[in-house]
Amino acid sequence: MRPEDATSAQLGRLTARCEHVEVAEDLRARLVLDRPLRVKLGVDPTASDITLGWAVPLRKLRRFQDEGHVAVLILGDFTARIGDPSGKSETRPQLAPEQVRANADACVAQLLGILSENNLEVRYNSEWLESLNLTDVLRLTSRYTVARMLERDDFSKRYALNRPISISEFMYPLLQGYDSIAIEADVELGGTDQLFNLLVGRDLQRAYGQSPQVAMTMPLLVGLDGTQKMSQSLGNYVGIEEAPDEMFGKLMSIPDRLIAQYATLAAELDSRTAGDLEADAAAGGPKAGAAKRTVARAVVALYHGDEAAGRAEVAFDRQFKLGRAPEDVTVADIPGDAIDGNRVFLPRVLAELGLASSRTEARRLISGGGVKVDGEPVGGDELALADLSGALLQVGKRRFVRLR
């Protein structure tokens, strides 16, 4: 194969499924350099789990590694304290440094489940951002104007509605851009909501005497609710380290119209297969159900292996088609502080056993009919101790605990 043909083939592999590439010809020119490219992806550890949505650009970063380039994964332990304003309609609360660092440490092991440890740099941006003095900050802010910042969609909307925009939020894209300067990025990856920030990085690199990075964005994976992007804060997510049964069950709940998107972005199935699944989903009925199963199996297999995916499907059928509880139900004691005489306060049981995030959420689940004891919906917050001892407690469709 001629060198130019090999470069074109690599360019096609690297840009496949991208939403935006700024500028593709710049990437082509860098691919013929006699060195591996430095490809940046920044992740703000505002939560401790990696979702299938986060995995989309992470898998693109892995593609660059497979092609021989260097992945520079930046954990934004400094920028996470500000909070990325992308897509936000109001100022985000700032996180404590201790919480951010704990989240970052929890994320690293999960990230390495996708990325190769070869040709990988993991950096924390506090390494260079904490050392900036006021002169450095003023020099950085002088490189961008308020008018340019207000070109950003979420800023312009909030400004038009007279909603607050803090100066620290204006700093966020500048600091993200400074990350690119610090590590001398050739390419930066992100979701489509990151395009403005990535383009700021290009401008800042140019201002600081560096060649501007290529900005590459990936489509945003819509969450399980079918409307908003996948997000832990919205609860519409699937984590890459969730148990196979839980992952399969969640994926079987996605709307039919998202089957093609999940096939492409979450399962990484080829375009022909994704197109066939999209047609089956549009047909509705059994074909749509079968298409959804194909996607769910493929995603689970990607993170847990084929055997685990098969077992997860069997467990799903046992629970939903045959109406039985899973075979390996967790057994737990009724928490002692939930017992008062011969009565049990159920919201405390759900919260302490991890079946609800709080007693408030537990009450909401109970009132909505989402909690069952031995298959029957619970009608109130208190139950007789005798009725719970040895009973099968179910929350939602997939969470079961046998009480003793």
Protein backbone atom coordinates (compact mmCIF):
# COMPACT_ATOMS: atom_id res chain seq x y z
CA MET A 1 0.00 0.00 0.00
CA ARG A 2 1.30 3.44 -0.90
CA PRO A 3 2.16 5.68 2.09
CA GLU A 4 -0.55 8.17 1.16
CA ASP A 5 -3.11 5.36 0.97
CA ALA A 6 -2.03 4.05 4.38
CA THR A 7 -2.43 7.54 5.82
CA SER A 8 -5.91 7.88 4.31
CA ALA A 9 -6.90 4.49 5.74
CA GLN A 10 -5.66 5.46 9.20
CA LEU A 11 -7.44 8.81 8.96
CA GLY A 12 -10.68 6.99 8.14
CA ARG A 13 -10.34 4.65 11.12
CA LEU A 14 -9.55 7.48 13.52
CA THR A 15 -12.37 9.77 12.40
CA ALA A 16 -15.03 7.06 12.09
CA ARG A 17 -18.24 7.93 13.98
CA CYS A 18 -16.91 11.40 14.91
CA GLU A 19 -19.44 14.21 14.97
CA HIS A 20 -16.96 17.00 14.20
CA VAL A 21 -13.27 17.19 13.23
CA GLU A 22 -11.54 20.55 13.24
CA VAL A 23 -9.57 20.24 10.99
CA ALA A 24 -9.38 16.86 9.20
CA GLU A 25 -6.58 17.98 6.90
CA ASP A 26 -4.55 19.08 9.93
CA LEU A 27 -4.91 15.55 11.31
CA ARG A 28 -3.82 14.06 7.98
CA ALA A 29 -0.73 16.29 8.01
CA ARG A 30 0.18 15.21 11.55
CA LEU A 31 -0.25 11.53 10.79
CA VAL A 32 2.75 11.66 8.43
CA LEU A 33 5.02 13.13 11.12
CA ASP A 34 7.85 10.89 12.25
CA ARG A 35 6.48 10.57 15.78
CA PRO A 36 3.36 9.35 17.60
CA LEU A 37 0.69 11.99 18.18
CA ARG A 38 -0.20 13.15 21.67
CA VAL A 39 -3.96 12.67 21.98
CA LYS A 40 -5.67 14.31 24.92
CA LEU A 41 -8.89 13.43 26.69
CA GLY A 42 -9.86 15.29 29.84
CA VAL A 43 -12.17 13.74 32.41
CA ASP A 44 -13.48 15.73 35.36
CA PRO A 45 -13.96 13.27 38.25
CA THR A 46 -17.22 14.74 39.54
CA ALA A 47 -18.48 11.19 40.21
CA SER A 48 -16.83 7.87 40.93
CA ASP A 49 -18.32 5.68 38.17
CA ILE A 50 -17.54 5.55 34.46
CA THR A 51 -20.71 5.38 32.38
CA LEU A 52 -21.29 4.07 28.86
CA GLY A 53 -21.54 7.73 27.84
CA TRP A 54 -18.04 8.47 29.12
CA ALA A 55 -16.82 5.31 27.41
CA VAL A 56 -17.60 6.67 23.92
CA PRO A 57 -14.63 9.10 23.73
CA LEU A 58 -12.54 6.73 25.86
CA ARG A 59 -12.88 4.04 23.21
CA LYS A 60 -11.90 6.54 20.53
CA LEU A 61 -8.82 7.30 22.61
CA ARG A 62 -8.09 3.57 22.69
CA ARG A 63 -8.33 3.53 18.88
CA PHE A 64 -5.54 6.12 18.75
CA GLN A 65 -3.47 3.93 21.06
CA ASP A 66 -4.03 0.92 18.83
CA GLU A 67 -2.73 2.99 15.91
CA GLY A 68 0.50 3.67 17.84
CA HIS A 69 -0.23 7.11 19.29
CA VAL A 70 0.11 8.32 22.88
CA ALA A 71 -3.04 8.69 24.95
CA VAL A 72 -2.79 11.54 27.45
CA LEU A 73 -5.61 11.10 29.93
CA ILE A 74 -6.06 14.20 32.04
CA LEU A 75 -7.95 13.82 35.30
CA GLY A 76 -9.27 17.28 36.03
CA ASP A 77 -8.79 17.28 39.78
CA PHE A 78 -8.37 21.07 39.60
CA THR A 79 -11.03 21.97 37.00
CA ALA A 80 -13.61 19.67 38.62
CA ARG A 81 -13.62 22.02 41.59
CA ILE A 82 -15.02 24.71 39.28
CA GLY A 83 -17.45 22.50 37.40
CA ASP A 84 -17.80 22.36 33.62
CA PRO A 85 -20.62 24.75 32.58
CA SER A 86 -21.23 22.87 29.29
CA GLY A 87 -24.95 22.45 28.80
CA LYS A 88 -25.79 23.86 32.22
CA SER A 89 -28.52 26.42 32.79
CA GLU A 90 -27.15 27.56 36.14
CA THR A 91 -23.91 27.80 38.05
CA ARG A 92 -22.77 24.44 39.37
CA PRO A 93 -21.78 24.02 43.03
CA GLN A 94 -18.04 23.60 43.52
CA LEU A 95 -16.71 20.30 44.86
CA ALA A 96 -14.27 19.91 47.73
CA PRO A 97 -10.72 18.88 46.69
CA GLU A 98 -10.93 15.76 48.87
CA GLN A 99 -14.10 14.57 47.13
CA VAL A 100 -12.64 15.24 43.68
CA ARG A 101 -9.46 13.32 44.45
CA ALA A 102 -11.40 10.37 45.88
CA ASN A 103 -13.52 10.27 42.71
CA ALA A 104 -10.40 10.48 40.54
CA ASP A 105 -8.74 7.57 42.31
CA ALA A 106 -11.91 5.48 41.90
CA CYS A 107 -12.06 6.30 38.17
CA VAL A 108 -8.51 5.33 37.27
CA ALA A 109 -8.96 1.54 37.59
CA GLN A 110 -12.16 1.68 35.52
CA LEU A 111 -10.48 3.78 32.82
CA LEU A 112 -7.72 1.20 32.53
CA GLY A 113 -10.40 -1.36 31.75
CA ILE A 114 -10.80 0.42 28.40
CA LEU A 115 -7.40 1.96 27.71
CA SER A 116 -4.13 0.12 27.19
CA GLU A 117 -1.43 0.71 29.78
CA ASN A 118 1.04 0.96 26.91
CA ASN A 119 1.64 4.42 25.40
CA LEU A 120 -0.54 5.98 28.12
CA GLU A 121 0.05 9.03 30.28
CA VAL A 122 -2.29 9.71 33.19
CA ARG A 123 -1.94 13.29 34.41
CA TYR A 124 -3.72 15.40 37.01
CA ASN A 125 -4.17 19.00 35.89
CA SER A 126 -3.50 20.35 39.38
CA GLU A 127 0.12 19.56 38.42
CA TRP A 128 0.32 22.76 36.38
CA LEU A 129 -2.82 24.74 37.24
CA GLU A 130 -2.16 25.04 40.97
CA SER A 131 1.22 26.61 40.29
CA LEU A 132 -0.15 29.44 38.14
CA ASN A 133 0.38 32.84 39.78
CA LEU A 134 -1.78 35.91 39.25
CA THR A 135 0.45 37.14 36.40
CA ASP A 136 0.00 33.80 34.63
CA VAL A 137 -3.76 33.92 35.11
CA LEU A 138 -4.03 37.49 33.80
CA ARG A 139 -1.94 36.56 30.78
CA LEU A 140 -4.26 33.64 30.12
CA THR A 141 -7.45 35.70 30.46
CA SER A 142 -6.06 38.36 28.12
CA ARG A 143 -6.08 35.83 25.30
CA TYR A 144 -9.89 35.61 25.15
CA THR A 145 -12.73 38.12 25.19
CA VAL A 146 -16.09 38.19 26.94
CA ALA A 147 -17.77 38.53 23.53
CA ARG A 148 -16.17 35.28 22.40
CA MET A 149 -17.25 33.55 25.61
CA LEU A 150 -20.84 34.67 25.06
CA GLU A 151 -20.81 32.93 21.68
CA ARG A 152 -21.06 29.73 23.66
CA ASP A 153 -24.64 28.48 23.53
CA ASP A 154 -25.25 27.84 27.24
CA PHE A 155 -23.65 31.16 28.22
CA SER A 156 -25.62 33.16 25.65
CA LYS A 157 -28.91 31.60 26.76
CA ARG A 158 -28.26 32.31 30.42
CA TYR A 159 -27.14 35.86 29.64
CA ALA A 160 -30.31 36.48 27.60
CA LEU A 161 -32.44 35.18 30.50
CA ASN A 162 -30.50 37.27 33.02
CA ARG A 163 -29.32 34.14 34.85
CA PRO A 164 -26.04 34.31 36.77
CA ILE A 165 -22.76 33.36 35.10
CA SER A 166 -19.81 33.36 37.47
CA ILE A 167 -16.36 34.52 36.36
CA SER A 168 -15.04 31.11 37.42
CA GLU A 169 -17.21 29.54 34.72
CA PHE A 170 -15.54 31.75 32.13
CA MET A 171 -12.27 30.42 33.49
CA TYR A 172 -13.20 26.78 32.90
CA PRO A 173 -12.66 26.66 29.09
CA LEU A 174 -9.48 28.72 29.51
CA LEU A 175 -8.07 26.27 32.03
CA GLN A 176 -9.08 23.30 29.88
CA GLY A 177 -7.31 24.99 26.99
CA TYR A 178 -4.26 25.54 29.17
CA ASP A 179 -4.18 21.78 29.75
CA SER A 180 -3.56 21.39 26.02
CA ILE A 181 -0.67 23.84 26.22
CA ALA A 182 0.82 22.05 29.23
CA ILE A 183 0.90 18.64 27.57
CA GLU A 184 1.42 19.94 23.99
CA ALA A 185 -1.63 18.14 22.61
CA ASP A 186 -1.82 17.27 18.92
CA VAL A 187 -5.44 16.12 19.18
CA GLU A 188 -8.15 16.62 21.81
CA LEU A 189 -11.19 14.38 22.09
CA GLY A 190 -14.55 15.12 23.71
CA GLY A 191 -18.30 14.89 23.39
CA THR A 192 -20.21 17.23 21.12
CA ASP A 193 -20.98 19.45 24.12
CA GLN A 194 -17.21 20.02 24.46
CA LEU A 195 -16.66 21.54 21.01
CA PHE A 196 -16.45 25.12 22.28
CA ASN A 197 -13.87 24.17 24.92
CA LEU A 198 -11.79 22.24 22.39
CA LEU A 199 -11.78 25.18 19.99
CA VAL A 200 -10.70 27.50 22.82
CA GLY A 201 -7.77 25.14 23.29
CA ARG A 202 -6.82 25.58 19.63
CA ASP A 203 -6.91 29.37 19.97
CA LEU A 204 -4.84 29.35 23.16
CA GLN A 205 -2.20 27.02 21.75
CA ARG A 206 -1.83 29.35 18.78
CA ALA A 207 -1.51 32.34 21.15
CA TYR A 208 1.18 30.53 23.16
CA GLY A 209 3.21 29.64 20.07
CA GLN A 210 2.09 26.04 19.61
CA SER A 211 0.47 24.39 16.60
CA PRO A 212 -3.29 24.27 17.28
CA GLN A 213 -4.64 20.85 18.22
CA VAL A 214 -7.12 18.95 16.10
CA ALA A 215 -10.52 19.04 17.85
CA MET A 216 -12.52 15.81 17.53
CA THR A 217 -15.96 15.35 19.08
CA MET A 218 -18.02 12.21 19.50
CA PRO A 219 -21.84 12.04 19.63
CA LEU A 220 -23.42 12.12 23.06
CA LEU A 221 -25.05 8.89 24.19
CA VAL A 222 -28.67 9.52 25.21
CA GLY A 223 -29.52 8.08 28.61
CA LEU A 224 -32.05 5.42 29.55
CA ASP A 225 -34.78 8.06 29.84
CA GLY A 226 -34.54 8.56 26.08
CA THR A 227 -34.32 12.35 26.28
CA GLN A 228 -31.19 13.68 27.99
CA LYS A 229 -27.55 12.69 27.67
CA MET A 230 -26.41 9.88 29.93
CA SER A 231 -25.53 11.32 33.32
CA GLN A 232 -25.03 10.02 36.83
CA SER A 233 -26.72 13.08 38.28
CA LEU A 234 -29.87 12.29 36.27
CA GLY A 235 -29.82 8.59 37.17
CA ASN A 236 -30.29 7.61 33.51
CA TYR A 237 -26.96 5.83 33.15
CA VAL A 238 -25.33 2.42 32.84
CA GLY A 239 -21.95 2.05 34.54
CA ILE A 240 -19.26 0.01 32.82
CA GLU A 241 -18.55 -1.87 36.06
CA GLU A 242 -22.16 -2.69 36.88
CA ALA A 243 -22.96 -6.37 37.29
CA PRO A 244 -23.82 -8.12 33.99
CA ASP A 245 -27.42 -8.82 35.08
CA GLU A 246 -27.98 -5.20 36.07
CA MET A 247 -26.37 -3.89 32.89
CA PHE A 248 -28.42 -6.22 30.65
CA GLY A 249 -31.67 -5.34 32.42
CA LYS A 250 -31.04 -1.62 32.13
CA LEU A 251 -30.21 -1.88 28.44
CA MET A 252 -33.43 -3.77 27.78
CA SER A 253 -35.27 -0.65 28.97
CA ILE A 254 -33.93 1.74 26.31
CA PRO A 255 -36.51 3.17 23.87
CA ASP A 256 -36.63 1.39 20.50
CA ARG A 257 -35.57 4.56 18.69
CA LEU A 258 -32.20 4.48 20.47
CA ILE A 259 -31.28 0.93 19.46
CA ALA A 260 -29.13 2.05 16.51
CA GLN A 261 -27.33 4.67 18.62
CA TYR A 262 -26.52 2.17 21.36
CA ALA A 263 -25.45 -0.39 18.75
CA THR A 264 -23.00 2.09 17.28
CA LEU A 265 -21.74 4.03 20.29
CA ALA A 266 -22.14 1.66 23.25
CA ALA A 267 -21.68 -1.76 21.62
CA GLU A 268 -19.39 -0.60 18.78
CA LEU A 269 -21.13 -2.84 16.27
CA ASP A 270 -20.31 -2.25 12.61
CA SER A 271 -22.44 0.13 10.56
CA ARG A 272 -24.15 -2.64 8.56
CA THR A 273 -25.23 -4.49 11.70
CA ALA A 274 -26.37 -1.24 13.32
CA GLY A 275 -28.41 -0.44 10.20
CA ASP A 276 -30.10 -3.85 10.28
CA LEU A 277 -30.91 -3.42 13.97
CA GLU A 278 -32.31 0.05 13.29
CA ALA A 279 -34.63 -1.41 10.64
CA ASP A 280 -35.77 -4.13 13.06
CA ALA A 281 -36.41 -1.52 15.75
CA ALA A 282 -38.51 0.52 13.33
CA ALA A 283 -40.57 -2.59 12.55
CA GLY A 284 -41.57 -2.82 16.21
CA GLY A 285 -42.92 -5.89 17.99
CA PRO A 286 -40.76 -9.04 18.32
CA LYS A 287 -38.16 -7.74 15.86
CA ALA A 288 -37.54 -4.66 17.98
CA GLY A 289 -37.27 -6.80 21.11
CA ALA A 290 -34.77 -9.11 19.43
CA ALA A 291 -32.73 -6.11 18.23
CA LYS A 292 -32.61 -4.73 21.75
CA ARG A 293 -31.40 -8.10 23.05
CA THR A 294 -28.63 -8.13 20.47
CA VAL A 295 -27.44 -4.73 21.62
CA ALA A 296 -27.70 -5.60 25.32
CA ARG A 297 -25.71 -8.82 24.81
CA ALA A 298 -23.05 -7.01 22.80
CA VAL A 299 -22.57 -4.27 25.41
CA VAL A 300 -22.38 -6.73 28.31
CA ALA A 301 -19.94 -8.90 26.34
CA LEU A 302 -17.76 -5.86 25.66
CA TYR A 303 -17.21 -5.29 29.38
CA HIS A 304 -17.76 -8.72 30.96
CA GLY A 305 -17.24 -11.30 28.19
CA ASP A 306 -19.53 -13.52 26.11
CA GLU A 307 -20.25 -16.04 28.86
CA ALA A 308 -21.36 -13.36 31.32
CA ALA A 309 -23.57 -11.82 28.63
CA GLY A 310 -25.24 -15.18 28.04
CA ARG A 311 -25.85 -15.72 31.75
CA ALA A 312 -27.26 -12.20 32.07
CA GLU A 313 -29.76 -12.88 29.30
CA VAL A 314 -30.85 -16.13 30.96
CA ALA A 315 -31.28 -14.31 34.27
CA PHE A 316 -33.33 -11.60 32.54
CA ASP A 317 -35.65 -14.19 31.01
CA ARG A 318 -36.01 -16.01 34.31
CA GLN A 319 -37.12 -12.81 36.00
CA PHE A 320 -39.23 -11.16 33.34
CA LYS A 321 -40.49 -13.91 31.03
CA LEU A 322 -40.95 -16.61 33.64
CA GLY A 323 -41.83 -14.27 36.49
CA ARG A 324 -39.26 -15.74 38.90
CA ALA A 325 -36.76 -14.10 41.20
CA PRO A 326 -33.06 -14.48 40.35
CA GLU A 327 -31.40 -17.65 41.61
CA ASP A 328 -28.58 -15.90 43.48
CA VAL A 329 -30.57 -13.46 45.62
CA THR A 330 -28.59 -11.69 48.34
CA VAL A 331 -29.58 -12.65 51.88
CA ALA A 332 -29.46 -9.90 54.54
CA ASP A 333 -30.56 -9.29 58.11
CA ILE A 334 -33.25 -6.75 58.83
CA PRO A 335 -31.31 -3.77 60.24
CA GLY A 336 -31.82 -3.63 64.01
CA ASP A 337 -32.37 0.13 64.14
CA ALA A 338 -35.29 -0.29 61.71
CA ILE A 339 -37.15 -2.49 64.22
CA ASP A 340 -39.43 -1.00 66.85
CA GLY A 341 -41.09 -3.74 68.85
CA ASN A 342 -42.93 -5.91 66.36
CA ARG A 343 -42.94 -3.24 63.63
CA VAL A 344 -40.33 -2.49 60.97
CA PHE A 345 -39.74 0.92 59.38
CA LEU A 346 -39.30 -0.06 55.74
CA PRO A 347 -37.66 3.15 54.36
CA ARG A 348 -34.77 2.66 56.81
CA VAL A 349 -34.41 -0.98 55.67
CA LEU A 350 -34.21 0.06 52.00
CA ALA A 351 -31.69 2.82 52.69
CA GLU A 352 -29.42 0.72 54.91
CA LEU A 353 -29.41 -2.25 52.55
CA GLY A 354 -28.51 -0.02 49.60
CA LEU A 355 -31.82 -0.56 47.81
CA ALA A 356 -32.50 3.19 47.91
CA SER A 357 -30.09 6.11 48.13
CA SER A 358 -31.93 7.61 51.11
CA ARG A 359 -35.04 7.20 53.21
CA THR A 360 -36.66 9.98 51.19
CA GLU A 361 -36.11 8.05 47.97
CA ALA A 362 -37.33 4.90 49.72
CA ARG A 363 -40.62 6.59 50.64
CA ARG A 364 -41.02 7.73 47.06
CA LEU A 365 -40.46 4.19 45.79
CA ILE A 366 -42.98 2.79 48.28
CA SER A 367 -45.66 5.36 47.46
CA GLY A 368 -45.14 4.71 43.74
CA GLY A 369 -45.70 0.98 44.11
CA GLY A 370 -42.08 0.15 43.36
CA VAL A 371 -41.49 -1.95 46.48
CA LYS A 372 -42.85 -5.48 46.86
CA VAL A 373 -42.74 -8.11 49.58
CA ASP A 374 -43.15 -11.67 48.29
CA GLY A 375 -44.46 -10.26 45.03
CA GLU A 376 -47.10 -7.95 46.55
CA PRO A 377 -46.79 -4.14 46.47
CA VAL A 378 -46.22 -2.54 49.86
CA GLY A 379 -48.89 -0.07 50.93
CA GLY A 380 -47.12 1.85 53.70
CA ASP A 381 -43.85 2.66 55.45
CA GLU A 382 -44.34 0.22 58.35
CA LEU A 383 -44.80 -3.54 58.25
CA ALA A 384 -45.07 -6.26 60.84
CA LEU A 385 -41.77 -7.91 61.71
CA ALA A 386 -43.38 -11.30 61.20
CA ASP A 387 -44.35 -10.36 57.63
CA LEU A 388 -40.76 -9.44 56.71
CA SER A 389 -38.85 -12.27 58.35
CA GLY A 390 -37.84 -14.65 55.57
CA ALA A 391 -39.63 -12.56 52.93
CA LEU A 392 -38.35 -11.67 49.46
CA LEU A 393 -37.98 -7.88 49.26
CA GLN A 394 -38.05 -6.44 45.73
CA VAL A 395 -37.31 -2.87 44.66
CA GLY A 396 -38.06 -1.98 41.06
CA LYS A 397 -37.64 -4.71 38.48
CA ARG A 398 -34.12 -5.94 39.19
CA ARG A 399 -33.21 -5.56 42.87
CA PHE A 400 -34.00 -8.41 45.28
CA VAL A 401 -32.97 -9.20 48.86
CA ARG A 402 -34.08 -12.16 50.98
CA LEU A 403 -34.61 -10.90 54.55
CA ARG A 404 -33.88 -13.01 57.61
